[in-house]
């Protein structure tokens, strides 16, 4: 008896299925739209900034490694 009540609680009505299908259709439409947009090229200033940050991270990694080696010895 409890199993039947639980099963009835989990069954969706036609209205709920329709709302779910509508939400998924909107989602798939927006995904298709985003795929057609593509990527914009980065400006030269932003490219330089990104490369500068990469070099800074590498430099700081070397500083940390040297610091750890000096501390251990």
N, C-alpha and C. Protein backbone atom coordinates (compact mmCIF):
# COMPACT_ATOMS: atom_id res chain seq x y z
N UNK A 1 0.82 -1.19 0.00
CA UNK A 1 0.00 0.00 0.00
C UNK A 1 0.87 1.26 0.00
N UNK A 2 1.90 1.29 0.85
CA UNK A 2 2.79 2.45 0.91
C UNK A 2 3.55 2.60 -0.40
N UNK A 3 3.90 1.46 -1.05
CA UNK A 3 4.62 1.53 -2.32
C UNK A 3 3.77 2.19 -3.40
N UNK A 4 2.48 1.92 -3.42
CA UNK A 4 1.60 2.52 -4.42
C UNK A 4 1.51 4.03 -4.21
N UNK A 5 1.39 4.46 -2.96
CA UNK A 5 1.32 5.90 -2.69
C UNK A 5 2.61 6.59 -3.09
N UNK A 6 3.74 5.96 -2.80
CA UNK A 6 5.03 6.54 -3.15
C UNK A 6 5.15 6.63 -4.67
N UNK A 7 4.72 5.58 -5.37
CA UNK A 7 4.81 5.57 -6.82
C UNK A 7 3.91 6.64 -7.43
N UNK A 8 2.76 6.86 -6.86
CA UNK A 8 1.85 7.88 -7.38
C UNK A 8 2.42 9.28 -7.14
N UNK A 9 3.15 9.44 -6.05
CA UNK A 9 3.75 10.75 -5.78
C UNK A 9 4.83 11.09 -6.81
N UNK A 10 5.50 10.06 -7.35
CA UNK A 10 6.60 10.29 -8.27
C UNK A 10 6.15 10.37 -9.72
N UNK A 11 4.94 10.02 -10.02
CA UNK A 11 4.47 10.08 -11.39
C UNK A 11 4.15 11.53 -11.76
N UNK A 12 4.59 11.94 -12.93
CA UNK A 12 4.37 13.30 -13.38
C UNK A 12 3.08 13.39 -14.18
N UNK A 13 2.41 14.48 -14.05
CA UNK A 13 1.21 14.71 -14.84
C UNK A 13 1.62 15.18 -16.24
N UNK A 14 0.67 15.21 -17.14
CA UNK A 14 0.96 15.67 -18.50
C UNK A 14 1.44 17.12 -18.50
N UNK A 15 0.88 17.94 -17.61
CA UNK A 15 1.30 19.33 -17.51
C UNK A 15 2.77 19.43 -17.11
N UNK A 16 3.17 18.62 -16.13
CA UNK A 16 4.57 18.65 -15.69
C UNK A 16 5.51 18.18 -16.79
N UNK A 17 5.12 17.14 -17.54
CA UNK A 17 5.94 16.67 -18.65
C UNK A 17 6.05 17.76 -19.72
N UNK A 18 4.94 18.45 -19.97
CA UNK A 18 4.96 19.53 -20.95
C UNK A 18 5.87 20.66 -20.54
N UNK A 19 5.86 21.02 -19.26
CA UNK A 19 6.74 22.09 -18.76
C UNK A 19 8.20 21.68 -18.85
N UNK A 20 8.47 20.42 -18.53
CA UNK A 20 9.85 19.93 -18.61
C UNK A 20 10.34 19.92 -20.06
N UNK A 21 9.50 19.47 -20.97
CA UNK A 21 9.88 19.47 -22.39
C UNK A 21 10.11 20.88 -22.91
N UNK A 22 9.27 21.81 -22.48
CA UNK A 22 9.43 23.21 -22.91
C UNK A 22 10.73 23.80 -22.39
N UNK A 23 11.05 23.52 -21.13
CA UNK A 23 12.30 24.04 -20.55
C UNK A 23 13.51 23.44 -21.26
N UNK A 24 13.45 22.15 -21.57
CA UNK A 24 14.57 21.52 -22.26
C UNK A 24 14.70 22.04 -23.68
N UNK A 25 13.59 22.29 -24.35
CA UNK A 25 13.63 22.83 -25.71
C UNK A 25 14.29 24.20 -25.70
N UNK A 26 13.96 25.05 -24.73
CA UNK A 26 14.60 26.36 -24.63
C UNK A 26 16.09 26.22 -24.35
N UNK A 27 16.45 25.25 -23.52
CA UNK A 27 17.86 25.03 -23.20
C UNK A 27 18.62 24.60 -24.45
N UNK A 28 18.10 23.64 -25.19
CA UNK A 28 18.79 23.17 -26.39
C UNK A 28 18.88 24.27 -27.44
N UNK A 29 17.86 25.12 -27.54
CA UNK A 29 17.90 26.23 -28.48
C UNK A 29 19.00 27.22 -28.11
N UNK A 30 19.14 27.51 -26.82
CA UNK A 30 20.18 28.44 -26.40
C UNK A 30 21.57 27.84 -26.59
N UNK A 31 21.72 26.54 -26.40
CA UNK A 31 23.01 25.89 -26.63
C UNK A 31 23.38 25.97 -28.11
N UNK A 32 22.43 25.72 -29.00
CA UNK A 32 22.70 25.83 -30.44
C UNK A 32 23.10 27.26 -30.80
N UNK A 33 22.44 28.24 -30.19
CA UNK A 33 22.77 29.63 -30.47
C UNK A 33 24.19 29.96 -30.01
N UNK A 34 24.57 29.49 -28.83
CA UNK A 34 25.91 29.76 -28.32
C UNK A 34 26.99 29.11 -29.18
N UNK A 35 26.70 27.93 -29.73
CA UNK A 35 27.68 27.25 -30.57
C UNK A 35 27.93 28.01 -31.87
N UNK A 36 26.94 28.73 -32.36
CA UNK A 36 27.12 29.48 -33.60
C UNK A 36 27.89 30.78 -33.39
N UNK A 37 27.99 31.26 -32.15
CA UNK A 37 28.66 32.53 -31.91
C UNK A 37 30.17 32.45 -32.12
N UNK A 38 30.79 31.38 -31.66
CA UNK A 38 32.23 31.24 -31.81
C UNK A 38 33.01 32.10 -30.82
N UNK A 39 34.33 32.12 -31.00
CA UNK A 39 35.21 32.88 -30.11
C UNK A 39 35.63 34.19 -30.76
N UNK A 40 35.75 35.23 -29.95
CA UNK A 40 36.27 36.50 -30.44
C UNK A 40 37.78 36.51 -30.22
N UNK A 41 38.53 37.08 -31.16
CA UNK A 41 39.98 37.14 -30.95
C UNK A 41 40.32 38.12 -29.83
N UNK A 42 41.40 37.80 -29.11
CA UNK A 42 41.83 38.66 -28.00
C UNK A 42 42.57 39.88 -28.55
N UNK A 43 42.43 40.97 -27.84
CA UNK A 43 43.17 42.17 -28.24
C UNK A 43 44.65 41.97 -27.92
N UNK A 44 45.48 42.79 -28.55
CA UNK A 44 46.93 42.63 -28.34
C UNK A 44 47.30 42.93 -26.89
N UNK A 45 46.64 43.92 -26.28
CA UNK A 45 46.94 44.24 -24.88
C UNK A 45 46.61 43.10 -23.94
N UNK A 46 45.48 42.44 -24.19
CA UNK A 46 45.08 41.32 -23.34
C UNK A 46 46.01 40.13 -23.54
N UNK A 47 46.45 39.91 -24.78
CA UNK A 47 47.40 38.82 -25.05
C UNK A 47 48.71 39.06 -24.31
N UNK A 48 49.20 40.30 -24.34
CA UNK A 48 50.44 40.63 -23.64
C UNK A 48 50.26 40.44 -22.14
N UNK A 49 49.12 40.87 -21.61
CA UNK A 49 48.85 40.70 -20.18
C UNK A 49 48.84 39.23 -19.79
N UNK A 50 48.19 38.39 -20.57
CA UNK A 50 48.13 36.96 -20.26
C UNK A 50 49.53 36.34 -20.29
N UNK A 51 50.34 36.69 -21.29
CA UNK A 51 51.69 36.15 -21.35
C UNK A 51 52.54 36.68 -20.18
N UNK A 52 52.34 37.92 -19.80
CA UNK A 52 53.04 38.47 -18.65
C UNK A 52 52.70 37.71 -17.37
N UNK A 53 51.42 37.40 -17.20
CA UNK A 53 51.01 36.62 -16.02
C UNK A 53 51.60 35.21 -16.04
N UNK A 54 51.66 34.62 -17.21
CA UNK A 54 52.27 33.28 -17.31
C UNK A 54 53.74 33.33 -16.90
N UNK A 55 54.46 34.34 -17.41
CA UNK A 55 55.88 34.46 -17.05
C UNK A 55 56.05 34.75 -15.56
N UNK A 56 55.16 35.55 -14.99
CA UNK A 56 55.22 35.84 -13.56
C UNK A 56 55.03 34.57 -12.74
N UNK A 57 54.08 33.73 -13.14
CA UNK A 57 53.84 32.47 -12.42
C UNK A 57 55.07 31.57 -12.51
N UNK A 58 55.69 31.47 -13.69
CA UNK A 58 56.90 30.66 -13.82
C UNK A 58 58.03 31.22 -12.96
N UNK A 59 58.20 32.54 -12.97
CA UNK A 59 59.24 33.17 -12.16
C UNK A 59 59.02 32.89 -10.68
N UNK A 60 57.78 33.03 -10.22
CA UNK A 60 57.48 32.79 -8.80
C UNK A 60 57.67 31.32 -8.44
N UNK A 61 57.39 30.41 -9.37
CA UNK A 61 57.63 28.98 -9.10
C UNK A 61 59.12 28.74 -8.90
N UNK A 62 59.95 29.36 -9.72
CA UNK A 62 61.40 29.22 -9.56
C UNK A 62 61.84 29.81 -8.22
N UNK A 63 61.30 30.96 -7.85
CA UNK A 63 61.65 31.58 -6.57
C UNK A 63 61.29 30.66 -5.41
N UNK A 64 60.12 30.05 -5.46
CA UNK A 64 59.69 29.15 -4.39
C UNK A 64 60.60 27.92 -4.34
N UNK A 65 60.92 27.35 -5.48
CA UNK A 65 61.80 26.16 -5.51
C UNK A 65 63.17 26.50 -4.94
N UNK A 66 63.74 27.64 -5.34
CA UNK A 66 65.05 28.04 -4.81
C UNK A 66 64.96 28.26 -3.31
N UNK A 67 63.89 28.88 -2.86
CA UNK A 67 63.70 29.13 -1.43
C UNK A 67 63.60 27.82 -0.65
N UNK A 68 62.89 26.85 -1.17
CA UNK A 68 62.75 25.56 -0.50
C UNK A 68 64.08 24.84 -0.46
N UNK A 69 64.82 24.87 -1.55
CA UNK A 69 66.13 24.19 -1.60
C UNK A 69 67.09 24.82 -0.61
N UNK A 70 67.09 26.16 -0.52
CA UNK A 70 67.98 26.83 0.45
C UNK A 70 67.57 26.53 1.89
N UNK A 71 66.29 26.40 2.14
CA UNK A 71 65.82 26.11 3.48
C UNK A 71 66.19 24.69 3.90
N UNK A 72 66.09 23.74 2.97
CA UNK A 72 66.39 22.34 3.27
C UNK A 72 67.87 22.15 3.55
N UNK A 73 68.73 22.84 2.82
CA UNK A 73 70.16 22.67 3.03
C UNK A 73 70.63 23.43 4.17
